[in-house]
Amino acid sequence: MKHCIVIATSMMLLAGLGACNYGKNKKGATTAATAESVSTKTLSEAYTAATGTYFGVVPCADCEGIETTVILKADGTFDLTQVYQGKSNLFNTHGEVSEKNGNLVLTDAVNKNLLQLKIGEGILTQLDMEGNVIEGEHAANYILTKAPEQLTAKVWKLAELNGKPVESTAFLLFDPVLHRISGNLGCNNFSGSYFLSPGSRIHIAKVVATQKMCQKNMEVEDELKKILSTVDNFAFGDDKSLILNRARMAPLAKFILAE
């Protein structure tokens, strides 16, 4: 009888151990299956070269225009910001980028296709939802321009005005997401909007500033504010400075990277 009890107990222990091992193996198999289901996205060389921030103002059926910013990321995701001019509507979306027939398809979290884009040299062209180029008199307005990496998200300190060195605490900062320009004019803080277009063209608009009165550098401040509203192109100097110009005139303002 004792032997029977011992044998029965041993069999129960072995069954329990087998069940534990079966559970571990099953769990391990599930983990492996999950790992297999997660695959690394294959991105084309064209996409990799095109990563960066693009923006422009595309036509709108019931507003002045849609300020559109697209950030293509190296991991195959994107951030999309759309501001409807003349309205309070602002939309921020994050999602996945896929490639179809050489074009980019931006898809949100609920698998809705938001935009189709064609890669160009420093530009993205917004296509219709069938992947065709939009034609007509407003076709050029569907082009988004790539923001130079050396321009945005950096602090630019004023060094010269109209070719003459100045001593000022004025600085600029270009936001690549909301395409806003902000900083300090030497005394007053300011902000505005900016838009880039091919050919290193820049348009700065809606510049507003605080109204403090300072004893020093008000002439520099007034001149800088005027220049910001009149420049139409930019360049980078050999010393990595930022130069703001109007047409082919002499440089109006020169900025250096803040240390």
C-alpha atoms as a PDB file:
ATOM      1  CA  MET A   1       0.000   0.000   0.000  1.00  0.00           C
ATOM      2  CA  LYS A   2       2.828   2.361   0.895  1.00  0.00           C
ATOM      3  CA  HIS A   3       4.482   1.591  -2.410  1.00  0.00           C
ATOM      4  CA  CYS A   4       1.297   2.452  -4.253  1.00  0.00           C
ATOM      5  CA  ILE A   5       1.099   5.794  -2.460  1.00  0.00           C
ATOM      6  CA  VAL A   6       4.731   6.620  -3.314  1.00  0.00           C
ATOM      7  CA  ILE A   7       4.240   5.686  -6.973  1.00  0.00           C
ATOM      8  CA  ALA A   8       1.032   7.714  -7.226  1.00  0.00           C
ATOM      9  CA  THR A   9       2.710  10.726  -5.608  1.00  0.00           C
ATOM     10  CA  SER A  10       5.689  10.493  -7.985  1.00  0.00           C
ATOM     11  CA  MET A  11       3.396  10.330 -10.986  1.00  0.00           C
ATOM     12  CA  MET A  12       1.544  13.424  -9.783  1.00  0.00           C
ATOM     13  CA  LEU A  13       4.819  15.317  -9.366  1.00  0.00           C
ATOM     14  CA  LEU A  14       5.992  14.330 -12.837  1.00  0.00           C
ATOM     15  CA  ALA A  15       2.645  15.386 -14.308  1.00  0.00           C
ATOM     16  CA  GLY A  16       2.919  18.720 -12.514  1.00  0.00           C
ATOM     17  CA  LEU A  17       6.441  19.285 -13.764  1.00  0.00           C
ATOM     18  CA  GLY A  18       5.345  18.356 -17.276  1.00  0.00           C
ATOM     19  CA  ALA A  19       2.503  20.837 -17.077  1.00  0.00           C
ATOM     20  CA  CYS A  20       4.902  23.560 -15.883  1.00  0.00           C
ATOM     21  CA  ASN A  21       7.315  22.820 -18.687  1.00  0.00           C
ATOM     22  CA  TYR A  22       4.470  22.753 -21.192  1.00  0.00           C
ATOM     23  CA  GLY A  23       3.357  26.162 -19.942  1.00  0.00           C
ATOM     24  CA  LYS A  24       6.871  27.572 -20.289  1.00  0.00           C
ATOM     25  CA  ASN A  25       7.291  26.149 -23.766  1.00  0.00           C
ATOM     26  CA  LYS A  26       3.927  27.461 -24.819  1.00  0.00           C
ATOM     27  CA  LYS A  27       4.747  30.886 -23.440  1.00  0.00           C
ATOM     28  CA  GLY A  28       8.123  30.816 -25.148  1.00  0.00           C
ATOM     29  CA  ALA A  29       6.504  29.832 -28.445  1.00  0.00           C
ATOM     30  CA  THR A  30       4.034  32.702 -28.128  1.00  0.00           C
ATOM     31  CA  THR A  31       6.894  35.132 -27.493  1.00  0.00           C
ATOM     32  CA  ALA A  32       8.763  33.836 -30.517  1.00  0.00           C
ATOM     33  CA  ALA A  33       5.663  34.144 -32.671  1.00  0.00           C
ATOM     34  CA  THR A  34       5.181  37.705 -31.494  1.00  0.00           C
ATOM     35  CA  ALA A  35       8.795  38.512 -32.272  1.00  0.00           C
ATOM     36  CA  GLU A  36       8.369  37.082 -35.762  1.00  0.00           C
ATOM     37  CA  SER A  37       5.282  39.232 -36.354  1.00  0.00           C
ATOM     38  CA  VAL A  38       7.269  42.423 -35.707  1.00  0.00           C
ATOM     39  CA  SER A  39       9.258  43.101 -38.833  1.00  0.00           C
ATOM     40  CA  THR A  40      11.652  45.904 -39.636  1.00  0.00           C
ATOM     41  CA  LYS A  41      10.207  48.295 -42.231  1.00  0.00           C
ATOM     42  CA  THR A  42      12.215  48.418 -45.439  1.00  0.00           C
ATOM     43  CA  LEU A  43      12.659  51.999 -46.588  1.00  0.00           C
ATOM     44  CA  SER A  44      13.939  53.038 -49.995  1.00  0.00           C
ATOM     45  CA  GLU A  45      17.114  55.040 -50.427  1.00  0.00           C
ATOM     46  CA  ALA A  46      14.999  57.832 -51.875  1.00  0.00           C
ATOM     47  CA  TYR A  47      12.959  58.011 -48.670  1.00  0.00           C
ATOM     48  CA  THR A  48      16.039  57.931 -46.453  1.00  0.00           C
ATOM     49  CA  ALA A  49      17.568  60.823 -48.409  1.00  0.00           C
ATOM     50  CA  ALA A  50      14.294  62.751 -48.205  1.00  0.00           C
ATOM     51  CA  THR A  51      13.834  62.646 -44.414  1.00  0.00           C
ATOM     52  CA  GLY A  52      13.454  66.084 -42.883  1.00  0.00           C
ATOM     53  CA  THR A  53      10.933  68.896 -42.433  1.00  0.00           C
ATOM     54  CA  TYR A  54       8.857  70.268 -45.321  1.00  0.00           C
ATOM     55  CA  PHE A  55       6.268  72.992 -45.368  1.00  0.00           C
ATOM     56  CA  GLY A  56       4.190  75.262 -47.535  1.00  0.00           C
ATOM     57  CA  VAL A  57       0.691  76.693 -47.931  1.00  0.00           C
ATOM     58  CA  VAL A  58      -1.578  74.508 -50.068  1.00  0.00           C
ATOM     59  CA  PRO A  59      -4.932  75.600 -51.534  1.00  0.00           C
ATOM     60  CA  CYS A  60      -8.062  75.353 -49.423  1.00  0.00           C
ATOM     61  CA  ALA A  61     -11.676  75.196 -50.627  1.00  0.00           C
ATOM     62  CA  ASP A  62     -13.131  77.287 -47.808  1.00  0.00           C
ATOM     63  CA  CYS A  63     -10.184  79.179 -46.296  1.00  0.00           C
ATOM     64  CA  GLU A  64      -7.210  81.315 -47.350  1.00  0.00           C
ATOM     65  CA  GLY A  65      -4.857  78.329 -47.419  1.00  0.00           C
ATOM     66  CA  ILE A  66      -3.641  75.383 -45.364  1.00  0.00           C
ATOM     67  CA  GLU A  67      -0.251  75.866 -43.706  1.00  0.00           C
ATOM     68  CA  THR A  68       1.125  72.347 -44.005  1.00  0.00           C
ATOM     69  CA  THR A  69       4.181  70.946 -42.258  1.00  0.00           C
ATOM     70  CA  VAL A  70       5.346  67.366 -42.845  1.00  0.00           C
ATOM     71  CA  ILE A  71       8.210  65.826 -40.877  1.00  0.00           C
ATOM     72  CA  LEU A  72       9.501  62.583 -42.399  1.00  0.00           C
ATOM     73  CA  LYS A  73      11.410  60.574 -39.817  1.00  0.00           C
ATOM     74  CA  ALA A  74      14.164  58.009 -40.303  1.00  0.00           C
ATOM     75  CA  ASP A  75      12.073  55.248 -38.660  1.00  0.00           C
ATOM     76  CA  GLY A  76       9.359  55.503 -41.329  1.00  0.00           C
ATOM     77  CA  THR A  77       6.906  57.582 -39.313  1.00  0.00           C
ATOM     78  CA  PHE A  78       5.719  61.139 -39.860  1.00  0.00           C
ATOM     79  CA  ASP A  79       4.294  64.157 -38.063  1.00  0.00           C
ATOM     80  CA  LEU A  80       1.746  66.275 -39.945  1.00  0.00           C
ATOM     81  CA  THR A  81       0.595  69.741 -38.849  1.00  0.00           C
ATOM     82  CA  GLN A  82      -2.150  71.573 -40.732  1.00  0.00           C
ATOM     83  CA  VAL A  83      -3.269  75.115 -39.875  1.00  0.00           C
ATOM     84  CA  TYR A  84      -6.281  76.524 -41.700  1.00  0.00           C
ATOM     85  CA  GLN A  85      -5.592  80.212 -42.341  1.00  0.00           C
ATOM     86  CA  GLY A  86      -8.322  82.567 -41.228  1.00  0.00           C
ATOM     87  CA  LYS A  87      -9.743  79.922 -38.897  1.00  0.00           C
ATOM     88  CA  SER A  88      -8.833  78.471 -35.519  1.00  0.00           C
ATOM     89  CA  ASN A  89      -8.508  74.938 -36.903  1.00  0.00           C
ATOM     90  CA  LEU A  90      -5.194  73.213 -36.204  1.00  0.00           C
ATOM     91  CA  PHE A  91      -4.618  69.497 -36.690  1.00  0.00           C
ATOM     92  CA  ASN A  92      -1.621  67.442 -35.547  1.00  0.00           C
ATOM     93  CA  THR A  93      -1.314  63.861 -36.765  1.00  0.00           C
ATOM     94  CA  HIS A  94       1.288  61.112 -36.334  1.00  0.00           C
ATOM     95  CA  GLY A  95       1.395  57.967 -38.421  1.00  0.00           C
ATOM     96  CA  GLU A  96       3.231  55.585 -40.734  1.00  0.00           C
ATOM     97  CA  VAL A  97       4.801  56.213 -44.136  1.00  0.00           C
ATOM     98  CA  SER A  98       4.511  53.596 -46.870  1.00  0.00           C
ATOM     99  CA  GLU A  99       5.641  53.679 -50.480  1.00  0.00           C
ATOM    100  CA  LYS A 100       3.445  53.015 -53.499  1.00  0.00           C
ATOM    101  CA  ASN A 101       4.540  53.356 -57.117  1.00  0.00           C
ATOM    102  CA  GLY A 102       7.476  55.485 -56.017  1.00  0.00           C
ATOM    103  CA  ASN A 103       5.270  57.888 -54.032  1.00  0.00           C
ATOM    104  CA  LEU A 104       4.854  58.294 -50.288  1.00  0.00           C
ATOM    105  CA  VAL A 105       1.549  57.478 -48.623  1.00  0.00           C
ATOM    106  CA  LEU A 106       0.933  58.985 -45.168  1.00  0.00           C
ATOM    107  CA  THR A 107      -1.436  56.870 -43.084  1.00  0.00           C
ATOM    108  CA  ASP A 108      -2.755  57.735 -39.616  1.00  0.00           C
ATOM    109  CA  ALA A 109      -3.371  55.481 -36.588  1.00  0.00           C
ATOM    110  CA  VAL A 110      -6.778  54.296 -37.863  1.00  0.00           C
ATOM    111  CA  ASN A 111      -5.289  53.336 -41.231  1.00  0.00           C
ATOM    112  CA  LYS A 112      -6.712  56.334 -43.066  1.00  0.00           C
ATOM    113  CA  ASN A 113      -4.661  57.659 -45.965  1.00  0.00           C
ATOM    114  CA  LEU A 114      -4.093  61.366 -45.363  1.00  0.00           C
ATOM    115  CA  LEU A 115      -1.695  62.452 -48.109  1.00  0.00           C
ATOM    116  CA  GLN A 116       0.192  61.133 -51.092  1.00  0.00           C
ATOM    117  CA  LEU A 117       3.482  62.850 -51.856  1.00  0.00           C
ATOM    118  CA  LYS A 118       6.032  62.716 -54.633  1.00  0.00           C
ATOM    119  CA  ILE A 119       9.703  63.125 -53.719  1.00  0.00           C
ATOM    120  CA  GLY A 120      11.640  65.801 -55.597  1.00  0.00           C
ATOM    121  CA  GLU A 121      14.959  67.598 -55.185  1.00  0.00           C
ATOM    122  CA  GLY A 122      14.458  69.367 -51.855  1.00  0.00           C
ATOM    123  CA  ILE A 123      10.681  69.338 -52.257  1.00  0.00           C
ATOM    124  CA  LEU A 124       7.603  67.168 -51.793  1.00  0.00           C
ATOM    125  CA  THR A 125       4.712  67.547 -54.219  1.00  0.00           C
ATOM    126  CA  GLN A 126       1.265  66.828 -52.810  1.00  0.00           C
ATOM    127  CA  LEU A 127      -0.733  64.527 -55.117  1.00  0.00           C
ATOM    128  CA  ASP A 128      -4.435  63.815 -55.314  1.00  0.00           C
ATOM    129  CA  MET A 129      -5.718  60.765 -53.446  1.00  0.00           C
ATOM    130  CA  GLU A 130      -5.338  58.634 -56.587  1.00  0.00           C
ATOM    131  CA  GLY A 131      -1.624  59.415 -56.673  1.00  0.00           C
ATOM    132  CA  ASN A 132      -1.822  61.779 -59.651  1.00  0.00           C
ATOM    133  CA  VAL A 133      -0.086  65.147 -60.012  1.00  0.00           C
ATOM    134  CA  ILE A 134      -2.519  68.011 -59.441  1.00  0.00           C
ATOM    135  CA  GLU A 135      -2.628  70.236 -62.496  1.00  0.00           C
ATOM    136  CA  GLY A 136      -4.027  73.686 -63.229  1.00  0.00           C
ATOM    137  CA  GLU A 137      -3.191  77.264 -62.292  1.00  0.00           C
ATOM    138  CA  HIS A 138      -2.633  76.376 -58.625  1.00  0.00           C
ATOM    139  CA  ALA A 139      -0.392  73.363 -59.265  1.00  0.00           C
ATOM    140  CA  ALA A 140       2.731  75.121 -57.939  1.00  0.00           C
ATOM    141  CA  ASN A 141       0.967  75.738 -54.621  1.00  0.00           C
ATOM    142  CA  TYR A 142       0.985  72.024 -53.837  1.00  0.00           C
ATOM    143  CA  ILE A 143       4.771  71.984 -53.432  1.00  0.00           C
ATOM    144  CA  LEU A 144       6.235  71.661 -49.926  1.00  0.00           C
ATOM    145  CA  THR A 145       9.795  72.928 -49.495  1.00  0.00           C
ATOM    146  CA  LYS A 146      12.415  71.229 -47.344  1.00  0.00           C
ATOM    147  CA  ALA A 147      13.684  73.356 -44.479  1.00  0.00           C
ATOM    148  CA  PRO A 148      17.499  73.526 -44.424  1.00  0.00           C
ATOM    149  CA  GLU A 149      18.714  71.658 -41.364  1.00  0.00           C
ATOM    150  CA  GLN A 150      21.263  74.365 -40.639  1.00  0.00           C
ATOM    151  CA  LEU A 151      18.501  77.006 -40.460  1.00  0.00           C
ATOM    152  CA  THR A 152      15.952  75.603 -38.055  1.00  0.00           C
ATOM    153  CA  ALA A 153      16.025  74.753 -34.354  1.00  0.00           C
ATOM    154  CA  LYS A 154      19.129  76.880 -33.795  1.00  0.00           C
ATOM    155  CA  VAL A 155      19.667  80.222 -32.063  1.00  0.00           C
ATOM    156  CA  TRP A 156      20.987  82.893 -34.432  1.00  0.00           C
ATOM    157  CA  LYS A 157      22.614  85.919 -32.785  1.00  0.00           C
ATOM    158  CA  LEU A 158      22.649  89.273 -34.607  1.00  0.00           C
ATOM    159  CA  ALA A 159      26.161  90.283 -35.753  1.00  0.00           C
ATOM    160  CA  GLU A 160      25.678  92.883 -38.519  1.00  0.00           C
ATOM    161  CA  LEU A 161      23.031  95.243 -39.888  1.00  0.00           C
ATOM    162  CA  ASN A 162      23.416  96.725 -43.369  1.00  0.00           C
ATOM    163  CA  GLY A 163      27.020  95.523 -43.484  1.00  0.00           C
ATOM    164  CA  LYS A 164      28.048  97.136 -40.193  1.00  0.00           C
ATOM    165  CA  PRO A 165      28.912  95.245 -36.974  1.00  0.00           C
ATOM    166  CA  VAL A 166      26.485  95.792 -34.102  1.00  0.00           C
ATOM    167  CA  GLU A 167      26.560  94.996 -30.414  1.00  0.00           C
ATOM    168  CA  SER A 168      23.175  93.627 -29.522  1.00  0.00           C
ATOM    169  CA  THR A 169      21.522  90.776 -27.666  1.00  0.00           C
ATOM    170  CA  ALA A 170      19.060  90.278 -30.552  1.00  0.00           C
ATOM    171  CA  PHE A 171      18.568  86.716 -31.772  1.00  0.00           C
ATOM    172  CA  LEU A 172      16.314  84.610 -34.013  1.00  0.00           C
ATOM    173  CA  LEU A 173      14.899  81.109 -33.707  1.00  0.00           C
ATOM    174  CA  PHE A 174      13.119  79.291 -36.557  1.00  0.00           C
ATOM    175  CA  ASP A 175      10.587  76.639 -35.503  1.00  0.00           C
ATOM    176  CA  PRO A 176      10.481  73.936 -38.228  1.00  0.00           C
ATOM    177  CA  VAL A 177       7.178  72.430 -37.078  1.00  0.00           C
ATOM    178  CA  LEU A 178       4.897  75.454 -36.742  1.00  0.00           C
ATOM    179  CA  HIS A 179       7.039  77.545 -39.162  1.00  0.00           C
ATOM    180  CA  ARG A 180       7.178  80.318 -36.607  1.00  0.00           C
ATOM    181  CA  ILE A 181      10.024  82.775 -36.145  1.00  0.00           C
ATOM    182  CA  SER A 182      10.652  84.203 -32.695  1.00  0.00           C
ATOM    183  CA  GLY A 183      13.378  85.766 -30.603  1.00  0.00           C
ATOM    184  CA  ASN A 184      14.442  89.138 -29.288  1.00  0.00           C
ATOM    185  CA  LEU A 185      15.019  92.396 -31.163  1.00  0.00           C
ATOM    186  CA  GLY A 186      17.522  93.650 -28.581  1.00  0.00           C
ATOM    187  CA  CYS A 187      14.951  94.833 -26.077  1.00  0.00           C
ATOM    188  CA  ASN A 188      11.542  93.459 -27.017  1.00  0.00           C
ATOM    189  CA  ASN A 189      10.578  89.872 -27.677  1.00  0.00           C
ATOM    190  CA  PHE A 190       8.904  89.177 -31.006  1.00  0.00           C
ATOM    191  CA  SER A 191       7.233  86.427 -33.006  1.00  0.00           C
ATOM    192  CA  GLY A 192       5.886  85.922 -36.503  1.00  0.00           C
ATOM    193  CA  SER A 193       5.510  83.369 -39.262  1.00  0.00           C
ATOM    194  CA  TYR A 194       7.876  82.397 -42.041  1.00  0.00           C
ATOM    195  CA  PHE A 195       7.605  80.424 -45.257  1.00  0.00           C
ATOM    196  CA  LEU A 196      10.325  78.942 -47.450  1.00  0.00           C
ATOM    197  CA  SER A 197      10.192  78.312 -51.195  1.00  0.00           C
ATOM    198  CA  PRO A 198      12.686  76.932 -53.728  1.00  0.00           C
ATOM    199  CA  GLY A 199      15.736  79.042 -54.463  1.00  0.00           C
ATOM    200  CA  SER A 200      16.426  79.906 -50.789  1.00  0.00           C
ATOM    201  CA  ARG A 201      13.440  82.233 -50.796  1.00  0.00           C
ATOM    202  CA  ILE A 202      11.959  83.274 -47.455  1.00  0.00           C
ATOM    203  CA  HIS A 203       8.929  85.328 -46.521  1.00  0.00           C
ATOM    204  CA  ILE A 204       8.564  86.597 -42.951  1.00  0.00           C
ATOM    205  CA  ALA A 205       5.139  87.944 -42.006  1.00  0.00           C
ATOM    206  CA  LYS A 206       2.893  88.956 -39.115  1.00  0.00           C
ATOM    207  CA  VAL A 207       5.804  90.120 -36.941  1.00  0.00           C
ATOM    208  CA  VAL A 208       4.568  91.420 -33.599  1.00  0.00           C
ATOM    209  CA  ALA A 209       6.636  92.532 -30.621  1.00  0.00           C
ATOM    210  CA  THR A 210       6.242  93.602 -27.036  1.00  0.00           C
ATOM    211  CA  GLN A 211       6.230  97.339 -26.383  1.00  0.00           C
ATOM    212  CA  LYS A 212       8.919  97.912 -23.769  1.00  0.00           C
ATOM    213  CA  MET A 213      10.964 101.108 -24.013  1.00  0.00           C
ATOM    214  CA  CYS A 214      14.687 100.618 -23.541  1.00  0.00           C
ATOM    215  CA  GLN A 215      17.425 103.212 -23.229  1.00  0.00           C
ATOM    216  CA  LYS A 216      19.873 101.399 -25.521  1.00  0.00           C
ATOM    217  CA  ASN A 217      19.828  99.948 -29.015  1.00  0.00           C
ATOM    218  CA  MET A 218      16.310 101.080 -29.963  1.00  0.00           C
ATOM    219  CA  GLU A 219      17.641 102.210 -33.341  1.00  0.00           C
ATOM    220  CA  VAL A 220      19.089  98.746 -33.934  1.00  0.00           C
ATOM    221  CA  GLU A 221      15.818  97.175 -32.817  1.00  0.00           C
ATOM    222  CA  ASP A 222      13.671  99.310 -35.120  1.00  0.00           C
ATOM    223  CA  GLU A 223      15.953  98.631 -38.083  1.00  0.00           C
ATOM    224  CA  LEU A 224      16.005  94.880 -37.444  1.00  0.00           C
ATOM    225  CA  LYS A 225      12.215  94.728 -37.220  1.00  0.00           C
ATOM    226  CA  LYS A 226      11.958  96.597 -40.516  1.00  0.00           C
ATOM    227  CA  ILE A 227      14.461  94.282 -42.198  1.00  0.00           C
ATOM    228  CA  LEU A 228      12.628  91.143 -41.074  1.00  0.00           C
ATOM    229  CA  SER A 229       9.533  92.367 -42.895  1.00  0.00           C
ATOM    230  CA  THR A 230      11.374  93.126 -46.146  1.00  0.00           C
ATOM    231  CA  VAL A 231      13.843  90.260 -46.704  1.00  0.00           C
ATOM    232  CA  ASP A 232      12.989  87.765 -49.447  1.00  0.00           C
ATOM    233  CA  ASN A 233      15.964  85.383 -49.564  1.00  0.00           C
ATOM    234  CA  PHE A 234      18.704  83.947 -47.371  1.00  0.00           C
ATOM    235  CA  ALA A 235      22.145  82.405 -47.679  1.00  0.00           C
ATOM    236  CA  PHE A 236      24.819  80.827 -45.507  1.00  0.00           C
ATOM    237  CA  GLY A 237      28.274  82.373 -45.363  1.00  0.00           C
ATOM    238  CA  ASP A 238      31.578  80.540 -45.479  1.00  0.00           C
ATOM    239  CA  ASP A 239      31.788  81.136 -41.723  1.00  0.00           C
ATOM    240  CA  LYS A 240      28.437  79.281 -41.302  1.00  0.00           C
ATOM    241  CA  SER A 241      26.634  82.574 -40.686  1.00  0.00           C
ATOM    242  CA  LEU A 242      23.041  83.253 -41.742  1.00  0.00           C
ATOM    243  CA  ILE A 243      22.614  86.167 -44.138  1.00  0.00           C
ATOM    244  CA  LEU A 244      19.225  87.765 -44.865  1.00  0.00           C
ATOM    245  CA  ASN A 245      18.885  89.658 -48.140  1.00  0.00           C
ATOM    246  CA  ARG A 246      16.396  91.475 -50.335  1.00  0.00           C
ATOM    247  CA  ALA A 247      16.678  90.745 -54.064  1.00  0.00           C
ATOM    248  CA  ARG A 248      20.345  91.229 -55.075  1.00  0.00           C
ATOM    249  CA  MET A 249      21.022  94.096 -52.717  1.00  0.00           C
ATOM    250  CA  ALA A 250      23.862  94.067 -50.203  1.00  0.00           C
ATOM    251  CA  PRO A 251      23.185  91.818 -47.187  1.00  0.00           C
ATOM    252  CA  LEU A 252      20.688  93.427 -44.824  1.00  0.00           C
ATOM    253  CA  ALA A 253      21.434  91.366 -41.718  1.00  0.00           C
ATOM    254  CA  LYS A 254      23.988  88.788 -40.660  1.00  0.00           C
ATOM    255  CA  PHE A 255      23.606  86.316 -37.801  1.00  0.00           C
ATOM    256  CA  ILE A 256      26.005  83.847 -36.208  1.00  0.00           C
ATOM    257  CA  LEU A 257      25.255  80.717 -34.241  1.00  0.00           C
ATOM    258  CA  ALA A 258      24.955  81.378 -30.527  1.00  0.00           C
ATOM    259  CA  GLU A 259      27.502  79.513 -28.450  1.00  0.00           C
END
